[in-house]
């Protein structure tokens, strides 16, 4: 009878472990946001209308990726994913970015 009890406990722990995975509680931490930016910046900058990308934060302090647009453009915005590697991606219209002239 003891063997049956042990088997049941093993089955319960396997089920609990599966439940954690199903709820997206990954045991492996996600990549650092700076590494995510470095891996995706060139692709984001290749989207027409994108003038810059950087690491920012949401109002609650959550790290996110910010994509700067020269102007509001639904075609460009449609090509920008809302999430990359688990981090939210937000757009903001900044206008053209030009180097400052020497004074």
N, C-alpha and C. Protein backbone atom coordinates (compact mmCIF):
# COMPACT_ATOMS: atom_id res chain seq x y z
N UNK A 1 0.81 -1.20 0.00
CA UNK A 1 0.00 0.00 0.00
C UNK A 1 0.85 1.26 0.00
N UNK A 2 1.98 1.25 0.64
CA UNK A 2 2.83 2.44 0.69
C UNK A 2 3.27 2.85 -0.72
N UNK A 3 3.54 1.93 -1.58
CA UNK A 3 3.96 2.26 -2.94
C UNK A 3 2.87 3.04 -3.66
N UNK A 4 1.64 2.70 -3.46
CA UNK A 4 0.54 3.42 -4.10
C UNK A 4 0.50 4.86 -3.61
N UNK A 5 0.67 5.07 -2.29
CA UNK A 5 0.68 6.43 -1.73
C UNK A 5 1.80 7.26 -2.32
N UNK A 6 2.96 6.69 -2.49
CA UNK A 6 4.09 7.41 -3.07
C UNK A 6 3.80 7.77 -4.51
N UNK A 7 3.21 6.87 -5.25
CA UNK A 7 2.88 7.14 -6.64
C UNK A 7 1.87 8.28 -6.74
N UNK A 8 0.92 8.32 -5.86
CA UNK A 8 -0.08 9.39 -5.88
C UNK A 8 0.60 10.73 -5.59
N UNK A 9 1.50 10.78 -4.62
CA UNK A 9 2.19 12.03 -4.32
C UNK A 9 3.04 12.50 -5.50
N UNK A 10 3.70 11.58 -6.16
CA UNK A 10 4.47 11.95 -7.34
C UNK A 10 3.57 12.51 -8.43
N UNK A 11 2.41 11.90 -8.59
CA UNK A 11 1.44 12.38 -9.59
C UNK A 11 0.95 13.78 -9.26
N UNK A 12 0.72 14.06 -7.98
CA UNK A 12 0.25 15.38 -7.56
C UNK A 12 1.33 16.42 -7.82
N UNK A 13 2.59 16.12 -7.47
CA UNK A 13 3.65 17.11 -7.69
C UNK A 13 3.87 17.35 -9.18
N UNK A 14 3.73 16.34 -10.01
CA UNK A 14 3.86 16.52 -11.46
C UNK A 14 2.74 17.42 -11.97
N UNK A 15 1.53 17.24 -11.46
CA UNK A 15 0.41 18.06 -11.87
C UNK A 15 0.63 19.52 -11.47
N UNK A 16 1.09 19.76 -10.26
CA UNK A 16 1.34 21.12 -9.79
C UNK A 16 2.42 21.78 -10.65
N UNK A 17 3.48 21.06 -10.98
CA UNK A 17 4.53 21.59 -11.85
C UNK A 17 4.00 21.93 -13.23
N UNK A 18 3.13 21.10 -13.77
CA UNK A 18 2.52 21.37 -15.07
C UNK A 18 1.64 22.59 -15.01
N UNK A 19 0.94 22.79 -13.90
CA UNK A 19 0.06 23.93 -13.74
C UNK A 19 0.88 25.22 -13.75
N UNK A 20 2.02 25.23 -13.09
CA UNK A 20 2.87 26.42 -13.06
C UNK A 20 3.35 26.77 -14.47
N UNK A 21 3.71 25.77 -15.25
CA UNK A 21 4.15 26.02 -16.63
C UNK A 21 2.99 26.53 -17.46
N UNK A 22 1.79 25.98 -17.27
CA UNK A 22 0.63 26.40 -18.03
C UNK A 22 0.27 27.86 -17.73
N UNK A 23 0.61 28.35 -16.54
CA UNK A 23 0.32 29.72 -16.17
C UNK A 23 1.47 30.66 -16.55
N UNK A 24 2.39 30.21 -17.40
CA UNK A 24 3.52 30.99 -17.89
C UNK A 24 4.48 31.43 -16.78
N UNK A 25 4.58 30.67 -15.73
CA UNK A 25 5.56 30.94 -14.69
C UNK A 25 6.82 30.17 -15.04
N UNK A 26 7.61 30.75 -15.91
CA UNK A 26 8.81 30.08 -16.40
C UNK A 26 9.86 30.04 -15.30
N UNK A 27 10.49 28.88 -15.10
CA UNK A 27 11.55 28.80 -14.11
C UNK A 27 12.82 29.52 -14.57
N UNK A 28 12.93 29.82 -15.85
CA UNK A 28 14.10 30.50 -16.40
C UNK A 28 13.79 31.99 -16.50
N UNK A 29 14.62 32.87 -15.93
CA UNK A 29 14.34 34.30 -16.04
C UNK A 29 14.46 34.77 -17.48
N UNK A 30 13.66 35.75 -17.85
CA UNK A 30 13.75 36.24 -19.23
C UNK A 30 15.02 37.07 -19.40
N UNK A 31 15.38 37.28 -20.65
CA UNK A 31 16.61 38.02 -20.97
C UNK A 31 16.54 39.46 -20.47
N UNK A 32 17.70 40.01 -20.16
CA UNK A 32 17.80 41.41 -19.78
C UNK A 32 17.26 42.28 -20.91
N UNK A 33 16.53 43.32 -20.56
CA UNK A 33 15.90 44.17 -21.58
C UNK A 33 16.93 44.84 -22.50
N UNK A 34 18.11 45.14 -21.99
CA UNK A 34 19.15 45.73 -22.84
C UNK A 34 19.62 44.75 -23.91
N UNK A 35 19.68 43.47 -23.57
CA UNK A 35 20.03 42.44 -24.55
C UNK A 35 18.93 42.29 -25.59
N UNK A 36 17.68 42.40 -25.14
CA UNK A 36 16.54 42.33 -26.07
C UNK A 36 16.60 43.50 -27.04
N UNK A 37 16.86 44.70 -26.53
CA UNK A 37 16.98 45.88 -27.40
C UNK A 37 18.10 45.69 -28.40
N UNK A 38 19.25 45.24 -27.94
CA UNK A 38 20.40 45.03 -28.83
C UNK A 38 20.09 44.01 -29.93
N UNK A 39 19.28 43.01 -29.59
CA UNK A 39 18.94 41.97 -30.56
C UNK A 39 17.91 42.43 -31.60
N UNK A 40 17.13 43.46 -31.27
CA UNK A 40 16.02 43.86 -32.14
C UNK A 40 16.09 45.30 -32.66
N UNK A 41 17.06 46.07 -32.24
CA UNK A 41 17.08 47.49 -32.62
C UNK A 41 17.20 47.70 -34.12
N UNK A 42 18.04 46.95 -34.79
CA UNK A 42 18.22 47.13 -36.24
C UNK A 42 16.94 46.83 -37.00
N UNK A 43 16.22 45.78 -36.61
CA UNK A 43 14.96 45.44 -37.28
C UNK A 43 13.90 46.51 -37.04
N UNK A 44 13.85 47.04 -35.81
CA UNK A 44 12.88 48.09 -35.53
C UNK A 44 13.22 49.37 -36.28
N UNK A 45 14.51 49.73 -36.34
CA UNK A 45 14.93 50.94 -37.04
C UNK A 45 14.74 50.83 -38.55
N UNK A 46 14.64 49.61 -39.07
CA UNK A 46 14.42 49.41 -40.51
C UNK A 46 12.97 49.66 -40.91
N UNK A 47 12.07 49.78 -39.96
CA UNK A 47 10.66 50.04 -40.25
C UNK A 47 10.53 51.51 -40.66
N UNK A 48 9.93 51.78 -41.82
CA UNK A 48 9.79 53.17 -42.27
C UNK A 48 9.09 54.03 -41.20
N UNK A 49 9.66 55.20 -40.95
CA UNK A 49 9.07 56.11 -39.98
C UNK A 49 9.64 56.00 -38.59
N UNK A 50 10.39 54.93 -38.30
CA UNK A 50 11.01 54.77 -36.98
C UNK A 50 12.32 55.54 -36.98
N UNK A 51 12.47 56.43 -35.98
CA UNK A 51 13.67 57.26 -35.90
C UNK A 51 14.54 56.94 -34.69
N UNK A 52 14.07 56.06 -33.81
CA UNK A 52 14.87 55.70 -32.65
C UNK A 52 14.19 54.65 -31.80
N UNK A 53 14.98 53.95 -31.00
CA UNK A 53 14.47 52.96 -30.05
C UNK A 53 15.28 53.06 -28.77
N UNK A 54 14.64 52.83 -27.64
CA UNK A 54 15.35 52.88 -26.37
C UNK A 54 14.59 52.10 -25.30
N UNK A 55 15.27 51.87 -24.19
CA UNK A 55 14.65 51.20 -23.04
C UNK A 55 13.98 52.28 -22.20
N UNK A 56 12.72 52.05 -21.88
CA UNK A 56 11.97 52.98 -21.03
C UNK A 56 11.26 52.22 -19.92
N UNK A 57 10.37 52.89 -19.25
CA UNK A 57 9.56 52.24 -18.22
C UNK A 57 8.11 52.69 -18.35
N UNK A 58 7.22 51.80 -17.94
CA UNK A 58 5.81 52.14 -17.86
C UNK A 58 5.59 52.96 -16.59
N UNK A 59 4.40 53.49 -16.41
CA UNK A 59 4.10 54.30 -15.22
C UNK A 59 4.34 53.55 -13.92
N UNK A 60 4.17 52.23 -13.96
CA UNK A 60 4.35 51.43 -12.73
C UNK A 60 5.79 50.96 -12.54
N UNK A 61 6.71 51.41 -13.41
CA UNK A 61 8.11 51.04 -13.28
C UNK A 61 8.52 49.81 -14.07
N UNK A 62 7.58 49.17 -14.75
CA UNK A 62 7.88 48.00 -15.56
C UNK A 62 8.74 48.40 -16.75
N UNK A 63 9.86 47.70 -17.00
CA UNK A 63 10.68 48.04 -18.15
C UNK A 63 9.95 47.74 -19.46
N UNK A 64 10.18 48.57 -20.45
CA UNK A 64 9.57 48.38 -21.76
C UNK A 64 10.52 48.90 -22.83
N UNK A 65 10.19 48.60 -24.07
CA UNK A 65 10.93 49.16 -25.20
C UNK A 65 10.09 50.29 -25.78
N UNK A 66 10.73 51.41 -26.08
CA UNK A 66 10.05 52.56 -26.68
C UNK A 66 10.56 52.71 -28.11
N UNK A 67 9.63 52.92 -29.02
CA UNK A 67 9.95 53.12 -30.42
C UNK A 67 9.49 54.53 -30.79
N UNK A 68 10.44 55.35 -31.25
CA UNK A 68 10.15 56.73 -31.61
C UNK A 68 9.80 56.81 -33.09
N UNK A 69 8.69 57.50 -33.38
CA UNK A 69 8.22 57.66 -34.76
C UNK A 69 8.35 59.11 -35.18
N UNK A 70 8.69 59.34 -36.45
CA UNK A 70 8.80 60.69 -36.99
C UNK A 70 7.43 61.36 -37.02
N UNK A 71 6.38 60.57 -37.32
CA UNK A 71 5.01 61.08 -37.35
C UNK A 71 4.04 59.94 -37.11
N UNK A 72 2.83 60.28 -36.72
CA UNK A 72 1.82 59.25 -36.50
C UNK A 72 1.50 58.63 -37.85
N UNK A 73 1.65 57.32 -37.92
CA UNK A 73 1.47 56.61 -39.18
C UNK A 73 0.99 55.21 -38.86
N UNK A 74 -0.25 54.91 -39.19
CA UNK A 74 -0.82 53.60 -38.84
C UNK A 74 -0.11 52.46 -39.56
N UNK A 75 0.42 52.71 -40.75
CA UNK A 75 1.15 51.65 -41.46
C UNK A 75 2.42 51.26 -40.71
N UNK A 76 3.18 52.25 -40.28
CA UNK A 76 4.40 51.98 -39.50
C UNK A 76 4.04 51.34 -38.17
N UNK A 77 3.06 51.91 -37.48
CA UNK A 77 2.67 51.38 -36.17
C UNK A 77 2.20 49.93 -36.28
N UNK A 78 1.58 49.58 -37.39
CA UNK A 78 1.10 48.21 -37.59
C UNK A 78 2.22 47.19 -37.73
N UNK A 79 3.41 47.65 -38.07
CA UNK A 79 4.56 46.76 -38.23
C UNK A 79 5.35 46.58 -36.93
N UNK A 80 5.01 47.35 -35.92
CA UNK A 80 5.73 47.29 -34.65
C UNK A 80 4.99 46.35 -33.71
N UNK A 81 5.64 45.30 -33.23
CA UNK A 81 4.96 44.35 -32.34
C UNK A 81 4.63 45.01 -31.00
N UNK A 82 3.60 44.51 -30.34
CA UNK A 82 3.21 45.06 -29.03
C UNK A 82 4.06 44.46 -27.90
N UNK A 83 4.69 43.32 -28.16
CA UNK A 83 5.56 42.66 -27.18
C UNK A 83 6.77 42.09 -27.92
N UNK A 84 7.93 42.17 -27.28
CA UNK A 84 9.13 41.50 -27.79
C UNK A 84 9.79 40.80 -26.61
N UNK A 85 9.95 39.51 -26.73
CA UNK A 85 10.59 38.70 -25.69
C UNK A 85 10.00 38.95 -24.30
N UNK A 86 8.69 39.15 -24.24
CA UNK A 86 8.01 39.33 -22.97
C UNK A 86 7.96 40.76 -22.46
N UNK A 87 8.57 41.70 -23.17
CA UNK A 87 8.55 43.11 -22.75
C UNK A 87 7.55 43.88 -23.62
N UNK A 88 6.77 44.78 -23.00
CA UNK A 88 5.85 45.60 -23.80
C UNK A 88 6.63 46.58 -24.68
N UNK A 89 6.07 46.87 -25.84
CA UNK A 89 6.66 47.82 -26.78
C UNK A 89 5.65 48.94 -26.99
N UNK A 90 6.08 50.18 -26.75
CA UNK A 90 5.22 51.35 -26.92
C UNK A 90 5.81 52.27 -27.97
N UNK A 91 4.93 52.97 -28.67
CA UNK A 91 5.40 53.95 -29.65
C UNK A 91 5.13 55.36 -29.13
N UNK A 92 5.94 56.29 -29.59
CA UNK A 92 5.71 57.70 -29.29
C UNK A 92 6.16 58.52 -30.49
N UNK A 93 5.40 59.55 -30.79
CA UNK A 93 5.74 60.42 -31.91
C UNK A 93 6.67 61.51 -31.38
N UNK A 94 7.88 61.54 -31.93
CA UNK A 94 8.89 62.51 -31.50
C UNK A 94 9.24 63.51 -32.59
N UNK A 95 8.83 63.23 -33.82
CA UNK A 95 9.27 64.04 -34.95
C UNK A 95 10.61 63.52 -35.44
N UNK A 96 11.14 64.19 -36.45
CA UNK A 96 12.45 63.80 -36.99
C UNK A 96 13.52 64.02 -35.93
N UNK A 97 14.49 63.15 -35.90
CA UNK A 97 15.64 63.29 -35.01
C UNK A 97 16.82 63.69 -35.89
N UNK A 98 17.39 64.85 -35.61
CA UNK A 98 18.53 65.34 -36.39
C UNK A 98 19.66 65.69 -35.44
N UNK A 99 20.90 65.55 -35.90
CA UNK A 99 22.03 65.96 -35.06
C UNK A 99 22.00 67.46 -34.85
N UNK A 100 22.42 67.87 -33.67
CA UNK A 100 22.49 69.29 -33.38
C UNK A 100 23.69 69.91 -34.08
N UNK A 101 23.52 71.08 -34.62
CA UNK A 101 24.64 71.78 -35.29
C UNK A 101 25.58 72.30 -34.22
N UNK A 102 26.88 72.28 -34.55
CA UNK A 102 27.87 72.86 -33.64
C UNK A 102 27.64 74.35 -33.52
N UNK A 103 27.82 74.87 -32.35
CA UNK A 103 27.59 76.31 -32.15
C UNK A 103 28.85 77.08 -32.25
